[in-house]
Amino acid sequence: MNLNSLASGANSSGGVDLEYGASGWSSTSFPFVIGTPSADGDTVPDIWAIKSDGSVRFVAGSKTSVTGSGTEIITPHDYWKTRIAIG
């Protein structure tokens, strides 16, 4: 696991901490979001999220941006809306 890209802004794309992928990522749309070490093997941290519809999404991290709303891993279920942790 390599989380050096999260250790400081200097390790980020452009050398400073930047907000990216913010469009559509409100707490209303994605009430639960967690960053994890790379799950897809590219060494860039990834995002797991629960959408407001109760679906669980995997979003591959990128050094420059996060696009879309990820890949649906688990179809919508009401019980995911009340979870306080993933894992």
C-alpha atoms as a PDB file:
ATOM      1  CA  MET A   1       0.000   0.000   0.000  1.00  0.00           C
ATOM      2  CA  ASN A   2       1.344   3.364  -0.991  1.00  0.00           C
ATOM      3  CA  LEU A   3      -0.465   6.379   0.387  1.00  0.00           C
ATOM      4  CA  ASN A   4       2.345   8.869  -0.231  1.00  0.00           C
ATOM      5  CA  SER A   5       0.058  10.749  -2.612  1.00  0.00           C
ATOM      6  CA  LEU A   6      -2.139  11.576   0.386  1.00  0.00           C
ATOM      7  CA  ALA A   7       0.678  12.458   2.789  1.00  0.00           C
ATOM      8  CA  SER A   8       0.983  16.071   1.689  1.00  0.00           C
ATOM      9  CA  GLY A   9      -0.144  18.492  -0.956  1.00  0.00           C
ATOM     10  CA  ALA A  10       3.353  18.434  -2.454  1.00  0.00           C
ATOM     11  CA  ASN A  11       2.730  14.830  -3.559  1.00  0.00           C
ATOM     12  CA  SER A  12      -0.530  15.712  -5.299  1.00  0.00           C
ATOM     13  CA  SER A  13      -0.961  16.498  -8.967  1.00  0.00           C
ATOM     14  CA  GLY A  14       0.267  20.063  -9.407  1.00  0.00           C
ATOM     15  CA  GLY A  15       2.055  20.019  -6.035  1.00  0.00           C
ATOM     16  CA  VAL A  16      -0.846  21.403  -3.973  1.00  0.00           C
ATOM     17  CA  ASP A  17      -4.055  20.015  -2.508  1.00  0.00           C
ATOM     18  CA  LEU A  18      -6.863  20.641  -4.955  1.00  0.00           C
ATOM     19  CA  GLU A  19     -10.548  19.851  -4.988  1.00  0.00           C
ATOM     20  CA  TYR A  20     -11.402  17.713  -7.968  1.00  0.00           C
ATOM     21  CA  GLY A  21     -14.342  15.632  -9.036  1.00  0.00           C
ATOM     22  CA  ALA A  22     -16.626  17.796  -6.898  1.00  0.00           C
ATOM     23  CA  SER A  23     -19.457  18.111  -9.414  1.00  0.00           C
ATOM     24  CA  GLY A  24     -22.360  15.917  -8.302  1.00  0.00           C
ATOM     25  CA  TRP A  25     -20.567  14.741  -5.157  1.00  0.00           C
ATOM     26  CA  SER A  26     -22.758  16.505  -2.596  1.00  0.00           C
ATOM     27  CA  SER A  27     -23.517  14.841   0.735  1.00  0.00           C
ATOM     28  CA  THR A  28     -27.100  14.552  -0.475  1.00  0.00           C
ATOM     29  CA  SER A  29     -26.042  12.488  -3.518  1.00  0.00           C
ATOM     30  CA  PHE A  30     -23.272  10.559  -1.720  1.00  0.00           C
ATOM     31  CA  PRO A  31     -24.002  10.490   2.028  1.00  0.00           C
ATOM     32  CA  PHE A  32     -21.105   8.099   2.746  1.00  0.00           C
ATOM     33  CA  VAL A  33     -17.700   8.236   1.054  1.00  0.00           C
ATOM     34  CA  ILE A  34     -14.444   6.593   2.098  1.00  0.00           C
ATOM     35  CA  GLY A  35     -10.999   6.690   0.514  1.00  0.00           C
ATOM     36  CA  THR A  36      -8.966   3.479   0.511  1.00  0.00           C
ATOM     37  CA  PRO A  37      -5.591   2.290  -0.710  1.00  0.00           C
ATOM     38  CA  SER A  38      -5.618   1.217  -4.346  1.00  0.00           C
ATOM     39  CA  ALA A  39      -8.137  -1.579  -4.906  1.00  0.00           C
ATOM     40  CA  ASP A  40      -7.454  -1.828  -8.637  1.00  0.00           C
ATOM     41  CA  GLY A  41      -3.681  -2.196  -8.452  1.00  0.00           C
ATOM     42  CA  ASP A  42      -2.636   1.147  -9.993  1.00  0.00           C
ATOM     43  CA  THR A  43      -1.202   2.459  -6.663  1.00  0.00           C
ATOM     44  CA  VAL A  44      -3.573   5.474  -6.665  1.00  0.00           C
ATOM     45  CA  PRO A  45      -6.022   5.537  -3.714  1.00  0.00           C
ATOM     46  CA  ASP A  46      -9.623   4.734  -4.656  1.00  0.00           C
ATOM     47  CA  ILE A  47     -13.069   5.735  -3.378  1.00  0.00           C
ATOM     48  CA  TRP A  48     -15.930   3.564  -2.139  1.00  0.00           C
ATOM     49  CA  ALA A  49     -19.253   5.359  -1.798  1.00  0.00           C
ATOM     50  CA  ILE A  50     -22.871   4.784  -0.936  1.00  0.00           C
ATOM     51  CA  LYS A  51     -25.242   6.811  -3.074  1.00  0.00           C
ATOM     52  CA  SER A  52     -28.488   8.210  -1.753  1.00  0.00           C
ATOM     53  CA  ASP A  53     -30.370   5.436  -3.607  1.00  0.00           C
ATOM     54  CA  GLY A  54     -28.578   2.829  -1.455  1.00  0.00           C
ATOM     55  CA  SER A  55     -26.213   1.533  -4.139  1.00  0.00           C
ATOM     56  CA  VAL A  56     -22.559   0.895  -3.334  1.00  0.00           C
ATOM     57  CA  ARG A  57     -20.116   2.375  -5.862  1.00  0.00           C
ATOM     58  CA  PHE A  58     -16.421   1.887  -6.599  1.00  0.00           C
ATOM     59  CA  VAL A  59     -14.649   4.906  -8.037  1.00  0.00           C
ATOM     60  CA  ALA A  60     -11.121   4.376  -9.361  1.00  0.00           C
ATOM     61  CA  GLY A  61      -8.768   7.072  -8.151  1.00  0.00           C
ATOM     62  CA  SER A  62      -6.773   9.218 -10.517  1.00  0.00           C
ATOM     63  CA  LYS A  63      -3.876  11.630 -10.145  1.00  0.00           C
ATOM     64  CA  THR A  64      -5.837  14.324 -11.957  1.00  0.00           C
ATOM     65  CA  SER A  65      -9.607  13.838 -11.597  1.00  0.00           C
ATOM     66  CA  VAL A  66     -12.504  11.615 -10.659  1.00  0.00           C
ATOM     67  CA  THR A  67     -15.133  11.344 -13.348  1.00  0.00           C
ATOM     68  CA  GLY A  68     -18.651   9.991 -13.225  1.00  0.00           C
ATOM     69  CA  SER A  69     -20.287   8.322 -10.273  1.00  0.00           C
ATOM     70  CA  GLY A  70     -18.292   5.111 -10.342  1.00  0.00           C
ATOM     71  CA  THR A  71     -19.176   1.503 -11.010  1.00  0.00           C
ATOM     72  CA  GLU A  72     -22.172   0.058  -9.214  1.00  0.00           C
ATOM     73  CA  ILE A  73     -20.894  -2.881  -7.144  1.00  0.00           C
ATOM     74  CA  ILE A  74     -24.060  -3.524  -5.122  1.00  0.00           C
ATOM     75  CA  THR A  75     -27.519  -2.619  -6.391  1.00  0.00           C
ATOM     76  CA  PRO A  76     -29.672  -0.210  -4.361  1.00  0.00           C
ATOM     77  CA  HIS A  77     -30.911  -1.482  -0.990  1.00  0.00           C
ATOM     78  CA  ASP A  78     -32.426   0.583   1.807  1.00  0.00           C
ATOM     79  CA  TYR A  79     -30.157  -0.957   4.464  1.00  0.00           C
ATOM     80  CA  TRP A  80     -27.053   0.633   2.887  1.00  0.00           C
ATOM     81  CA  LYS A  81     -28.541   4.069   3.596  1.00  0.00           C
ATOM     82  CA  THR A  82     -28.135   3.514   7.349  1.00  0.00           C
ATOM     83  CA  ARG A  83     -24.616   2.033   7.450  1.00  0.00           C
ATOM     84  CA  ILE A  84     -21.907   3.903   9.306  1.00  0.00           C
ATOM     85  CA  ALA A  85     -18.942   1.988   7.852  1.00  0.00           C
ATOM     86  CA  ILE A  86     -17.838  -0.011   4.838  1.00  0.00           C
ATOM     87  CA  GLY A  87     -15.462  -2.920   5.254  1.00  0.00           C
END
